């Protein structure tokens, strides 16, 4: 009889532990509050992580959620956390549209086509369109809820160990890129040797010459101290990169309507804060990089754009026909 009682207690303990870890079928809660992890691979002190801090505070202050922020890949790689979202775990992630495209709707990666946008207003015009609304609805059918898309990682530039002033200077250089199709194809089109690699390995790899550089927003370059390993930045602004705030639809659908509305509205409100912080600090971070000895170079944007037109877009045979023209039409109109 005692053995049966012990076994029952152990089973109950294991089941409770599964729920608290986010792996069960119920929404984890403590005192009526939904327990939730906010994850990102971006390091602390950047506009993205400061935006998550703002979001976390708003959710906690609402009394409906109990949240914590996990920066710098503490919960695993971006792919790991997306998998957790798809599995229904109580986790929110900051996500690159191209990474999400690889596991949901391929058309999503077009908003990260190099040299597509010249201003953030153009980006906002596209994400306010009916085309974008239909696209995000299709993503939701694949198991991912996009809570907000008004956040931004920033303008991406290339940092290298040696100067790059022309397209020929970039030829054959090993440039670290995120591990998704869009970035690999982008830098292949530019004649470089795109090298997917975890951010944690980048500093030593540049320092030792295993790779020649990487591409990232200024804030991430500075926060990760990559400028101490590579002293040249090409100001090409090849991508104005939005940041998606996502969770799994399985998790989202278990919430009450009130909780869902709060999760979405607070994500969007924190996005306004995050974007303004990013734009406000961009020049300041560039000044800090220059003071640390970084040399900034300009490129012939027309030559880079021509390479993208000729060699990048033809690779995306999986896109919906006329997709590029659809987005360009939204930008122009």
C-alpha atoms as a PDB file:
ATOM      1  CA  UNK A   1       0.000   0.000   0.000  1.00  0.00           C
ATOM      2  CA  UNK A   2       2.855   2.392   0.876  1.00  0.00           C
ATOM      3  CA  UNK A   3       4.500   1.662  -2.490  1.00  0.00           C
ATOM      4  CA  UNK A   4       1.293   2.610  -4.311  1.00  0.00           C
ATOM      5  CA  UNK A   5       1.056   5.896  -2.426  1.00  0.00           C
ATOM      6  CA  UNK A   6       4.689   6.746  -3.195  1.00  0.00           C
ATOM      7  CA  UNK A   7       4.198   5.968  -6.884  1.00  0.00           C
ATOM      8  CA  UNK A   8       1.100   8.186  -7.051  1.00  0.00           C
ATOM      9  CA  UNK A   9       2.976  11.080  -5.446  1.00  0.00           C
ATOM     10  CA  UNK A  10       5.904  10.645  -7.841  1.00  0.00           C
ATOM     11  CA  UNK A  11       3.591  10.574 -10.871  1.00  0.00           C
ATOM     12  CA  UNK A  12       1.853  13.727  -9.697  1.00  0.00           C
ATOM     13  CA  UNK A  13       5.209  15.445  -9.175  1.00  0.00           C
ATOM     14  CA  UNK A  14       6.441  14.514 -12.677  1.00  0.00           C
ATOM     15  CA  UNK A  15       3.179  15.694 -14.297  1.00  0.00           C
ATOM     16  CA  UNK A  16       3.330  19.030 -12.433  1.00  0.00           C
ATOM     17  CA  UNK A  17       6.957  19.466 -13.494  1.00  0.00           C
ATOM     18  CA  UNK A  18       6.007  18.923 -17.150  1.00  0.00           C
ATOM     19  CA  UNK A  19       3.439  21.689 -16.968  1.00  0.00           C
ATOM     20  CA  UNK A  20       5.784  24.142 -15.270  1.00  0.00           C
ATOM     21  CA  UNK A  21       8.382  23.519 -17.985  1.00  0.00           C
ATOM     22  CA  UNK A  22       5.891  24.403 -20.682  1.00  0.00           C
ATOM     23  CA  UNK A  23       5.848  20.955 -22.222  1.00  0.00           C
ATOM     24  CA  UNK A  24       2.319  19.939 -21.227  1.00  0.00           C
ATOM     25  CA  UNK A  25      -1.094  20.633 -22.690  1.00  0.00           C
ATOM     26  CA  UNK A  26      -2.108  23.268 -20.141  1.00  0.00           C
ATOM     27  CA  UNK A  27      -1.074  26.910 -19.971  1.00  0.00           C
ATOM     28  CA  UNK A  28       1.406  27.221 -17.044  1.00  0.00           C
ATOM     29  CA  UNK A  29       0.186  29.580 -14.354  1.00  0.00           C
ATOM     30  CA  UNK A  30       1.142  30.737 -10.882  1.00  0.00           C
ATOM     31  CA  UNK A  31      -1.536  32.381  -8.768  1.00  0.00           C
ATOM     32  CA  UNK A  32      -3.670  32.931 -11.851  1.00  0.00           C
ATOM     33  CA  UNK A  33      -0.783  34.512 -13.785  1.00  0.00           C
ATOM     34  CA  UNK A  34       0.479  32.987 -17.013  1.00  0.00           C
ATOM     35  CA  UNK A  35       4.179  32.138 -16.733  1.00  0.00           C
ATOM     36  CA  UNK A  36       6.048  33.236 -19.835  1.00  0.00           C
ATOM     37  CA  UNK A  37       9.674  33.431 -21.049  1.00  0.00           C
ATOM     38  CA  UNK A  38      10.789  36.237 -23.383  1.00  0.00           C
ATOM     39  CA  UNK A  39      13.784  35.046 -25.410  1.00  0.00           C
ATOM     40  CA  UNK A  40      16.248  36.553 -27.872  1.00  0.00           C
ATOM     41  CA  UNK A  41      19.699  35.758 -29.221  1.00  0.00           C
ATOM     42  CA  UNK A  42      20.551  39.476 -29.050  1.00  0.00           C
ATOM     43  CA  UNK A  43      22.909  40.550 -26.217  1.00  0.00           C
ATOM     44  CA  UNK A  44      21.841  42.712 -23.244  1.00  0.00           C
ATOM     45  CA  UNK A  45      21.988  46.495 -23.510  1.00  0.00           C
ATOM     46  CA  UNK A  46      20.803  46.672 -27.135  1.00  0.00           C
ATOM     47  CA  UNK A  47      17.519  48.304 -28.252  1.00  0.00           C
ATOM     48  CA  UNK A  48      15.959  44.875 -28.797  1.00  0.00           C
ATOM     49  CA  UNK A  49      16.703  43.573 -25.290  1.00  0.00           C
ATOM     50  CA  UNK A  50      15.766  46.908 -23.730  1.00  0.00           C
ATOM     51  CA  UNK A  51      12.497  46.659 -25.635  1.00  0.00           C
ATOM     52  CA  UNK A  52      11.953  43.180 -24.205  1.00  0.00           C
ATOM     53  CA  UNK A  53      12.618  44.535 -20.719  1.00  0.00           C
ATOM     54  CA  UNK A  54       9.922  47.156 -21.372  1.00  0.00           C
ATOM     55  CA  UNK A  55       7.526  44.489 -22.652  1.00  0.00           C
ATOM     56  CA  UNK A  56       8.223  42.201 -19.698  1.00  0.00           C
ATOM     57  CA  UNK A  57       7.545  44.994 -17.207  1.00  0.00           C
ATOM     58  CA  UNK A  58       4.272  45.919 -18.899  1.00  0.00           C
ATOM     59  CA  UNK A  59       3.101  42.285 -18.862  1.00  0.00           C
ATOM     60  CA  UNK A  60       4.077  41.823 -15.210  1.00  0.00           C
ATOM     61  CA  UNK A  61       2.453  45.118 -14.186  1.00  0.00           C
ATOM     62  CA  UNK A  62      -0.807  44.014 -15.823  1.00  0.00           C
ATOM     63  CA  UNK A  63      -1.156  41.302 -13.188  1.00  0.00           C
ATOM     64  CA  UNK A  64      -1.973  38.739 -15.889  1.00  0.00           C
ATOM     65  CA  UNK A  65       1.507  37.406 -16.572  1.00  0.00           C
ATOM     66  CA  UNK A  66       4.691  36.388 -14.790  1.00  0.00           C
ATOM     67  CA  UNK A  67       7.561  36.916 -17.202  1.00  0.00           C
ATOM     68  CA  UNK A  68      11.350  36.961 -17.413  1.00  0.00           C
ATOM     69  CA  UNK A  69      13.718  38.010 -20.200  1.00  0.00           C
ATOM     70  CA  UNK A  70      16.420  35.636 -21.460  1.00  0.00           C
ATOM     71  CA  UNK A  71      18.896  37.470 -23.771  1.00  0.00           C
ATOM     72  CA  UNK A  72      21.995  36.265 -25.639  1.00  0.00           C
ATOM     73  CA  UNK A  73      20.571  32.857 -26.529  1.00  0.00           C
ATOM     74  CA  UNK A  74      20.153  31.727 -22.928  1.00  0.00           C
ATOM     75  CA  UNK A  75      17.175  29.573 -23.952  1.00  0.00           C
ATOM     76  CA  UNK A  76      18.978  28.197 -26.996  1.00  0.00           C
ATOM     77  CA  UNK A  77      19.446  29.177 -30.621  1.00  0.00           C
ATOM     78  CA  UNK A  78      16.740  30.971 -32.587  1.00  0.00           C
ATOM     79  CA  UNK A  79      15.852  27.687 -34.292  1.00  0.00           C
ATOM     80  CA  UNK A  80      15.604  25.951 -30.919  1.00  0.00           C
ATOM     81  CA  UNK A  81      13.175  28.544 -29.579  1.00  0.00           C
ATOM     82  CA  UNK A  82      11.071  28.597 -32.761  1.00  0.00           C
ATOM     83  CA  UNK A  83      10.733  24.829 -32.345  1.00  0.00           C
ATOM     84  CA  UNK A  84       9.550  25.424 -28.780  1.00  0.00           C
ATOM     85  CA  UNK A  85       7.001  27.938 -30.049  1.00  0.00           C
ATOM     86  CA  UNK A  86       5.718  25.398 -32.575  1.00  0.00           C
ATOM     87  CA  UNK A  87       5.507  22.817 -29.773  1.00  0.00           C
ATOM     88  CA  UNK A  88       3.210  25.118 -27.763  1.00  0.00           C
ATOM     89  CA  UNK A  89       5.653  26.110 -25.022  1.00  0.00           C
ATOM     90  CA  UNK A  90       4.982  29.386 -23.134  1.00  0.00           C
ATOM     91  CA  UNK A  91       7.771  31.330 -24.794  1.00  0.00           C
ATOM     92  CA  UNK A  92       7.978  34.495 -26.888  1.00  0.00           C
ATOM     93  CA  UNK A  93      10.892  35.071 -29.262  1.00  0.00           C
ATOM     94  CA  UNK A  94      12.318  37.962 -31.261  1.00  0.00           C
ATOM     95  CA  UNK A  95      12.595  36.686 -34.785  1.00  0.00           C
ATOM     96  CA  UNK A  96      14.119  37.509 -38.142  1.00  0.00           C
ATOM     97  CA  UNK A  97      11.460  37.333 -40.935  1.00  0.00           C
ATOM     98  CA  UNK A  98      13.848  35.271 -43.074  1.00  0.00           C
ATOM     99  CA  UNK A  99      14.354  32.720 -40.289  1.00  0.00           C
ATOM    100  CA  UNK A 100      10.589  32.433 -39.878  1.00  0.00           C
ATOM    101  CA  UNK A 101      10.182  32.104 -43.656  1.00  0.00           C
ATOM    102  CA  UNK A 102      12.369  28.998 -43.642  1.00  0.00           C
ATOM    103  CA  UNK A 103       9.867  27.164 -41.394  1.00  0.00           C
ATOM    104  CA  UNK A 104       6.536  28.755 -42.403  1.00  0.00           C
ATOM    105  CA  UNK A 105       5.787  30.796 -45.556  1.00  0.00           C
ATOM    106  CA  UNK A 106       8.659  31.341 -48.007  1.00  0.00           C
ATOM    107  CA  UNK A 107       7.248  34.679 -49.257  1.00  0.00           C
ATOM    108  CA  UNK A 108       7.975  36.228 -45.854  1.00  0.00           C
ATOM    109  CA  UNK A 109      11.689  36.500 -46.633  1.00  0.00           C
ATOM    110  CA  UNK A 110      11.083  39.083 -49.378  1.00  0.00           C
ATOM    111  CA  UNK A 111      10.905  41.869 -46.761  1.00  0.00           C
ATOM    112  CA  UNK A 112      14.590  41.162 -46.118  1.00  0.00           C
ATOM    113  CA  UNK A 113      15.683  41.343 -49.720  1.00  0.00           C
ATOM    114  CA  UNK A 114      18.911  43.401 -49.850  1.00  0.00           C
ATOM    115  CA  UNK A 115      18.577  47.055 -50.870  1.00  0.00           C
ATOM    116  CA  UNK A 116      14.775  46.749 -51.104  1.00  0.00           C
ATOM    117  CA  UNK A 117      14.007  49.590 -48.685  1.00  0.00           C
ATOM    118  CA  UNK A 118      15.551  53.043 -48.576  1.00  0.00           C
ATOM    119  CA  UNK A 119      13.604  54.366 -45.553  1.00  0.00           C
ATOM    120  CA  UNK A 120      11.809  52.991 -42.521  1.00  0.00           C
ATOM    121  CA  UNK A 121       8.631  54.678 -43.793  1.00  0.00           C
ATOM    122  CA  UNK A 122       8.746  52.329 -46.778  1.00  0.00           C
ATOM    123  CA  UNK A 123       9.053  49.369 -44.424  1.00  0.00           C
ATOM    124  CA  UNK A 124       6.036  50.555 -42.449  1.00  0.00           C
ATOM    125  CA  UNK A 125       4.023  51.071 -45.623  1.00  0.00           C
ATOM    126  CA  UNK A 126       4.562  47.425 -46.577  1.00  0.00           C
ATOM    127  CA  UNK A 127       3.712  46.052 -43.119  1.00  0.00           C
ATOM    128  CA  UNK A 128       0.536  48.178 -43.051  1.00  0.00           C
ATOM    129  CA  UNK A 129      -0.680  46.726 -46.360  1.00  0.00           C
ATOM    130  CA  UNK A 130      -3.394  44.148 -46.980  1.00  0.00           C
ATOM    131  CA  UNK A 131      -0.728  41.970 -48.608  1.00  0.00           C
ATOM    132  CA  UNK A 132       1.167  41.791 -45.299  1.00  0.00           C
ATOM    133  CA  UNK A 133      -2.028  41.106 -43.363  1.00  0.00           C
ATOM    134  CA  UNK A 134      -2.801  38.131 -45.620  1.00  0.00           C
ATOM    135  CA  UNK A 135       0.782  36.895 -45.338  1.00  0.00           C
ATOM    136  CA  UNK A 136       0.822  36.961 -41.526  1.00  0.00           C
ATOM    137  CA  UNK A 137      -2.514  35.117 -41.509  1.00  0.00           C
ATOM    138  CA  UNK A 138      -0.883  32.386 -43.612  1.00  0.00           C
ATOM    139  CA  UNK A 139       2.035  32.236 -41.158  1.00  0.00           C
ATOM    140  CA  UNK A 140      -0.461  31.765 -38.337  1.00  0.00           C
ATOM    141  CA  UNK A 141      -1.895  28.750 -40.154  1.00  0.00           C
ATOM    142  CA  UNK A 142       1.587  27.234 -39.913  1.00  0.00           C
ATOM    143  CA  UNK A 143       1.581  27.461 -36.113  1.00  0.00           C
ATOM    144  CA  UNK A 144       3.222  30.838 -35.396  1.00  0.00           C
ATOM    145  CA  UNK A 145       1.406  33.906 -34.074  1.00  0.00           C
ATOM    146  CA  UNK A 146       3.101  37.225 -34.918  1.00  0.00           C
ATOM    147  CA  UNK A 147       2.285  39.458 -31.963  1.00  0.00           C
ATOM    148  CA  UNK A 148       4.053  42.569 -33.282  1.00  0.00           C
ATOM    149  CA  UNK A 149       6.092  43.589 -36.311  1.00  0.00           C
ATOM    150  CA  UNK A 150       6.827  47.233 -35.511  1.00  0.00           C
ATOM    151  CA  UNK A 151      10.097  46.341 -33.753  1.00  0.00           C
ATOM    152  CA  UNK A 152      13.423  46.603 -35.604  1.00  0.00           C
ATOM    153  CA  UNK A 153      16.842  44.970 -35.373  1.00  0.00           C
ATOM    154  CA  UNK A 154      18.199  47.932 -37.333  1.00  0.00           C
ATOM    155  CA  UNK A 155      20.164  48.717 -40.470  1.00  0.00           C
ATOM    156  CA  UNK A 156      22.667  45.988 -41.230  1.00  0.00           C
ATOM    157  CA  UNK A 157      26.244  46.798 -42.289  1.00  0.00           C
ATOM    158  CA  UNK A 158      29.365  44.734 -42.999  1.00  0.00           C
ATOM    159  CA  UNK A 159      32.323  44.627 -40.600  1.00  0.00           C
ATOM    160  CA  UNK A 160      35.610  43.231 -41.924  1.00  0.00           C
ATOM    161  CA  UNK A 161      39.248  42.739 -40.954  1.00  0.00           C
ATOM    162  CA  UNK A 162      40.446  44.545 -44.102  1.00  0.00           C
ATOM    163  CA  UNK A 163      38.885  47.470 -46.020  1.00  0.00           C
ATOM    164  CA  UNK A 164      36.050  46.844 -48.489  1.00  0.00           C
ATOM    165  CA  UNK A 165      35.336  49.692 -50.890  1.00  0.00           C
ATOM    166  CA  UNK A 166      34.158  47.878 -54.014  1.00  0.00           C
ATOM    167  CA  UNK A 167      32.239  44.748 -54.900  1.00  0.00           C
ATOM    168  CA  UNK A 168      35.539  43.196 -56.015  1.00  0.00           C
ATOM    169  CA  UNK A 169      36.967  43.727 -52.505  1.00  0.00           C
ATOM    170  CA  UNK A 170      34.176  41.550 -51.098  1.00  0.00           C
ATOM    171  CA  UNK A 171      34.808  38.668 -53.516  1.00  0.00           C
ATOM    172  CA  UNK A 172      35.595  35.417 -51.724  1.00  0.00           C
ATOM    173  CA  UNK A 173      35.566  36.956 -48.237  1.00  0.00           C
ATOM    174  CA  UNK A 174      34.125  34.671 -45.554  1.00  0.00           C
ATOM    175  CA  UNK A 175      31.322  36.709 -44.018  1.00  0.00           C
ATOM    176  CA  UNK A 176      29.409  35.349 -41.051  1.00  0.00           C
ATOM    177  CA  UNK A 177      25.658  35.415 -41.713  1.00  0.00           C
ATOM    178  CA  UNK A 178      22.604  34.127 -39.822  1.00  0.00           C
ATOM    179  CA  UNK A 179      21.763  30.543 -40.676  1.00  0.00           C
ATOM    180  CA  UNK A 180      18.895  31.153 -43.075  1.00  0.00           C
ATOM    181  CA  UNK A 181      18.380  30.938 -46.823  1.00  0.00           C
ATOM    182  CA  UNK A 182      17.932  34.675 -47.366  1.00  0.00           C
ATOM    183  CA  UNK A 183      21.298  35.747 -45.951  1.00  0.00           C
ATOM    184  CA  UNK A 184      23.222  32.919 -47.602  1.00  0.00           C
ATOM    185  CA  UNK A 185      21.758  33.787 -51.000  1.00  0.00           C
ATOM    186  CA  UNK A 186      22.309  37.525 -50.437  1.00  0.00           C
ATOM    187  CA  UNK A 187      26.040  37.228 -49.854  1.00  0.00           C
ATOM    188  CA  UNK A 188      26.458  34.569 -52.504  1.00  0.00           C
ATOM    189  CA  UNK A 189      25.003  37.073 -54.977  1.00  0.00           C
ATOM    190  CA  UNK A 190      27.507  39.683 -53.783  1.00  0.00           C
ATOM    191  CA  UNK A 191      30.387  37.318 -54.500  1.00  0.00           C
ATOM    192  CA  UNK A 192      31.303  36.666 -50.861  1.00  0.00           C
ATOM    193  CA  UNK A 193      31.507  33.287 -49.120  1.00  0.00           C
ATOM    194  CA  UNK A 194      28.591  33.395 -46.645  1.00  0.00           C
ATOM    195  CA  UNK A 195      29.425  31.464 -43.485  1.00  0.00           C
ATOM    196  CA  UNK A 196      26.576  30.660 -41.077  1.00  0.00           C
ATOM    197  CA  UNK A 197      27.888  30.622 -37.528  1.00  0.00           C
ATOM    198  CA  UNK A 198      26.615  31.137 -33.980  1.00  0.00           C
ATOM    199  CA  UNK A 199      27.255  34.668 -32.722  1.00  0.00           C
ATOM    200  CA  UNK A 200      29.171  33.291 -29.744  1.00  0.00           C
ATOM    201  CA  UNK A 201      31.862  31.976 -32.113  1.00  0.00           C
ATOM    202  CA  UNK A 202      32.229  35.114 -34.236  1.00  0.00           C
ATOM    203  CA  UNK A 203      34.654  37.230 -32.198  1.00  0.00           C
ATOM    204  CA  UNK A 204      37.342  34.554 -31.956  1.00  0.00           C
ATOM    205  CA  UNK A 205      36.793  33.531 -35.578  1.00  0.00           C
ATOM    206  CA  UNK A 206      37.401  37.079 -36.850  1.00  0.00           C
ATOM    207  CA  UNK A 207      40.346  37.545 -34.497  1.00  0.00           C
ATOM    208  CA  UNK A 208      42.004  34.337 -35.696  1.00  0.00           C
ATOM    209  CA  UNK A 209      41.185  34.947 -39.350  1.00  0.00           C
ATOM    210  CA  UNK A 210      38.899  31.926 -39.679  1.00  0.00           C
ATOM    211  CA  UNK A 211      36.356  34.342 -41.168  1.00  0.00           C
ATOM    212  CA  UNK A 212      36.894  37.783 -42.649  1.00  0.00           C
ATOM    213  CA  UNK A 213      33.964  39.541 -41.018  1.00  0.00           C
ATOM    214  CA  UNK A 214      30.238  39.604 -40.405  1.00  0.00           C
ATOM    215  CA  UNK A 215      27.194  41.745 -41.058  1.00  0.00           C
ATOM    216  CA  UNK A 216      25.090  43.164 -38.201  1.00  0.00           C
ATOM    217  CA  UNK A 217      23.453  46.360 -36.979  1.00  0.00           C
ATOM    218  CA  UNK A 218      25.765  48.850 -35.235  1.00  0.00           C
ATOM    219  CA  UNK A 219      24.189  48.170 -31.834  1.00  0.00           C
ATOM    220  CA  UNK A 220      24.928  44.430 -32.052  1.00  0.00           C
ATOM    221  CA  UNK A 221      28.458  45.002 -33.354  1.00  0.00           C
ATOM    222  CA  UNK A 222      29.202  47.302 -30.428  1.00  0.00           C
ATOM    223  CA  UNK A 223      27.490  45.191 -27.741  1.00  0.00           C
ATOM    224  CA  UNK A 224      29.343  42.054 -28.851  1.00  0.00           C
ATOM    225  CA  UNK A 225      32.646  43.996 -29.192  1.00  0.00           C
ATOM    226  CA  UNK A 226      33.152  42.674 -32.717  1.00  0.00           C
ATOM    227  CA  UNK A 227      34.813  45.996 -33.574  1.00  0.00           C
ATOM    228  CA  UNK A 228      37.763  44.943 -31.428  1.00  0.00           C
ATOM    229  CA  UNK A 229      38.447  42.080 -33.850  1.00  0.00           C
ATOM    230  CA  UNK A 230      37.622  43.835 -37.123  1.00  0.00           C
ATOM    231  CA  UNK A 231      38.239  47.558 -37.612  1.00  0.00           C
ATOM    232  CA  UNK A 232      36.451  48.290 -40.903  1.00  0.00           C
ATOM    233  CA  UNK A 233      32.728  48.828 -41.433  1.00  0.00           C
ATOM    234  CA  UNK A 234      31.122  49.094 -44.854  1.00  0.00           C
ATOM    235  CA  UNK A 235      28.156  51.439 -44.514  1.00  0.00           C
ATOM    236  CA  UNK A 236      26.032  49.682 -47.097  1.00  0.00           C
ATOM    237  CA  UNK A 237      22.728  49.439 -45.155  1.00  0.00           C
ATOM    238  CA  UNK A 238      21.956  46.301 -47.155  1.00  0.00           C
ATOM    239  CA  UNK A 239      18.894  45.435 -45.068  1.00  0.00           C
ATOM    240  CA  UNK A 240      16.527  47.496 -42.965  1.00  0.00           C
ATOM    241  CA  UNK A 241      15.586  44.599 -40.751  1.00  0.00           C
ATOM    242  CA  UNK A 242      12.335  44.425 -38.866  1.00  0.00           C
ATOM    243  CA  UNK A 243      12.029  42.314 -35.748  1.00  0.00           C
ATOM    244  CA  UNK A 244       9.027  40.053 -35.291  1.00  0.00           C
ATOM    245  CA  UNK A 245       7.690  39.194 -31.840  1.00  0.00           C
ATOM    246  CA  UNK A 246       6.304  35.683 -32.064  1.00  0.00           C
ATOM    247  CA  UNK A 247       4.811  32.847 -30.053  1.00  0.00           C
ATOM    248  CA  UNK A 248       3.163  29.563 -30.959  1.00  0.00           C
ATOM    249  CA  UNK A 249      -0.517  29.567 -31.909  1.00  0.00           C
ATOM    250  CA  UNK A 250      -1.032  26.478 -29.727  1.00  0.00           C
ATOM    251  CA  UNK A 251       0.038  28.488 -26.672  1.00  0.00           C
ATOM    252  CA  UNK A 252      -1.747  31.678 -27.781  1.00  0.00           C
ATOM    253  CA  UNK A 253      -5.064  29.909 -28.388  1.00  0.00           C
ATOM    254  CA  UNK A 254      -5.128  28.593 -24.799  1.00  0.00           C
ATOM    255  CA  UNK A 255      -5.149  32.127 -23.387  1.00  0.00           C
ATOM    256  CA  UNK A 256      -8.302  34.040 -22.562  1.00  0.00           C
ATOM    257  CA  UNK A 257      -9.377  36.798 -24.970  1.00  0.00           C
ATOM    258  CA  UNK A 258      -8.284  39.391 -22.407  1.00  0.00           C
ATOM    259  CA  UNK A 259      -4.843  37.796 -22.061  1.00  0.00           C
ATOM    260  CA  UNK A 260      -4.462  37.572 -25.840  1.00  0.00           C
ATOM    261  CA  UNK A 261      -5.373  41.231 -26.295  1.00  0.00           C
ATOM    262  CA  UNK A 262      -2.870  42.273 -23.628  1.00  0.00           C
ATOM    263  CA  UNK A 263      -0.095  40.165 -25.129  1.00  0.00           C
ATOM    264  CA  UNK A 264      -0.622  41.759 -28.559  1.00  0.00           C
ATOM    265  CA  UNK A 265      -1.275  45.370 -27.523  1.00  0.00           C
ATOM    266  CA  UNK A 266       1.674  45.481 -25.102  1.00  0.00           C
ATOM    267  CA  UNK A 267       3.987  43.935 -27.709  1.00  0.00           C
ATOM    268  CA  UNK A 268       3.013  46.664 -30.149  1.00  0.00           C
ATOM    269  CA  UNK A 269       3.303  49.424 -27.547  1.00  0.00           C
ATOM    270  CA  UNK A 270       6.761  48.206 -26.539  1.00  0.00           C
ATOM    271  CA  UNK A 271       7.608  48.086 -30.244  1.00  0.00           C
ATOM    272  CA  UNK A 272       6.986  51.826 -30.498  1.00  0.00           C
ATOM    273  CA  UNK A 273       9.366  52.340 -27.599  1.00  0.00           C
ATOM    274  CA  UNK A 274      11.978  49.960 -29.027  1.00  0.00           C
ATOM    275  CA  UNK A 275      11.973  51.485 -32.520  1.00  0.00           C
ATOM    276  CA  UNK A 276      12.292  55.027 -31.175  1.00  0.00           C
ATOM    277  CA  UNK A 277      15.188  53.921 -28.963  1.00  0.00           C
ATOM    278  CA  UNK A 278      16.919  52.272 -31.924  1.00  0.00           C
ATOM    279  CA  UNK A 279      16.647  55.355 -34.133  1.00  0.00           C
ATOM    280  CA  UNK A 280      17.662  57.690 -31.321  1.00  0.00           C
ATOM    281  CA  UNK A 281      20.814  55.776 -30.406  1.00  0.00           C
ATOM    282  CA  UNK A 282      22.058  54.807 -33.898  1.00  0.00           C
ATOM    283  CA  UNK A 283      24.270  57.878 -34.353  1.00  0.00           C
ATOM    284  CA  UNK A 284      25.503  57.612 -30.775  1.00  0.00           C
ATOM    285  CA  UNK A 285      26.628  54.010 -31.284  1.00  0.00           C
ATOM    286  CA  UNK A 286      28.360  54.924 -34.548  1.00  0.00           C
ATOM    287  CA  UNK A 287      30.238  57.673 -32.699  1.00  0.00           C
ATOM    288  CA  UNK A 288      31.340  55.151 -30.059  1.00  0.00           C
ATOM    289  CA  UNK A 289      32.554  52.770 -32.762  1.00  0.00           C
ATOM    290  CA  UNK A 290      34.551  55.558 -34.432  1.00  0.00           C
ATOM    291  CA  UNK A 291      36.074  56.512 -31.084  1.00  0.00           C
ATOM    292  CA  UNK A 292      37.144  52.890 -30.672  1.00  0.00           C
ATOM    293  CA  UNK A 293      39.148  53.091 -33.897  1.00  0.00           C
ATOM    294  CA  UNK A 294      36.683  51.794 -36.474  1.00  0.00           C
ATOM    295  CA  UNK A 295      37.091  53.111 -40.031  1.00  0.00           C
ATOM    296  CA  UNK A 296      33.869  53.584 -41.999  1.00  0.00           C
ATOM    297  CA  UNK A 297      33.823  53.176 -45.772  1.00  0.00           C
ATOM    298  CA  UNK A 298      31.153  53.894 -48.383  1.00  0.00           C
ATOM    299  CA  UNK A 299      30.335  51.657 -51.342  1.00  0.00           C
ATOM    300  CA  UNK A 300      28.935  52.134 -54.819  1.00  0.00           C
ATOM    301  CA  UNK A 301      25.386  51.181 -53.906  1.00  0.00           C
ATOM    302  CA  UNK A 302      24.389  50.923 -57.572  1.00  0.00           C
ATOM    303  CA  UNK A 303      26.978  48.189 -58.211  1.00  0.00           C
ATOM    304  CA  UNK A 304      25.841  46.196 -55.181  1.00  0.00           C
ATOM    305  CA  UNK A 305      22.174  46.616 -56.133  1.00  0.00           C
ATOM    306  CA  UNK A 306      22.873  45.461 -59.685  1.00  0.00           C
ATOM    307  CA  UNK A 307      24.508  42.287 -58.364  1.00  0.00           C
ATOM    308  CA  UNK A 308      21.453  41.618 -56.206  1.00  0.00           C
ATOM    309  CA  UNK A 309      19.085  42.211 -59.122  1.00  0.00           C
ATOM    310  CA  UNK A 310      21.003  39.847 -61.380  1.00  0.00           C
ATOM    311  CA  UNK A 311      22.027  37.085 -58.973  1.00  0.00           C
ATOM    312  CA  UNK A 312      19.831  37.212 -55.854  1.00  0.00           C
ATOM    313  CA  UNK A 313      16.234  37.313 -57.060  1.00  0.00           C
ATOM    314  CA  UNK A 314      16.604  34.491 -59.629  1.00  0.00           C
ATOM    315  CA  UNK A 315      17.477  32.116 -56.760  1.00  0.00           C
ATOM    316  CA  UNK A 316      13.998  32.450 -55.204  1.00  0.00           C
ATOM    317  CA  UNK A 317      12.026  30.196 -57.507  1.00  0.00           C
ATOM    318  CA  UNK A 318       9.886  29.152 -54.511  1.00  0.00           C
ATOM    319  CA  UNK A 319       8.410  32.657 -54.108  1.00  0.00           C
ATOM    320  CA  UNK A 320       4.940  33.441 -55.404  1.00  0.00           C
ATOM    321  CA  UNK A 321       5.152  34.702 -58.987  1.00  0.00           C
ATOM    322  CA  UNK A 322       5.488  38.497 -59.151  1.00  0.00           C
ATOM    323  CA  UNK A 323       6.217  38.791 -55.406  1.00  0.00           C
ATOM    324  CA  UNK A 324       9.014  41.334 -55.785  1.00  0.00           C
ATOM    325  CA  UNK A 325       6.871  43.496 -58.052  1.00  0.00           C
ATOM    326  CA  UNK A 326       3.981  43.318 -55.562  1.00  0.00           C
ATOM    327  CA  UNK A 327       6.150  44.684 -52.741  1.00  0.00           C
ATOM    328  CA  UNK A 328       7.726  47.333 -54.967  1.00  0.00           C
ATOM    329  CA  UNK A 329       4.252  48.468 -56.015  1.00  0.00           C
ATOM    330  CA  UNK A 330       3.226  48.875 -52.353  1.00  0.00           C
ATOM    331  CA  UNK A 331       6.367  50.936 -51.710  1.00  0.00           C
ATOM    332  CA  UNK A 332       5.749  53.231 -54.689  1.00  0.00           C
ATOM    333  CA  UNK A 333       2.047  53.730 -54.064  1.00  0.00           C
END
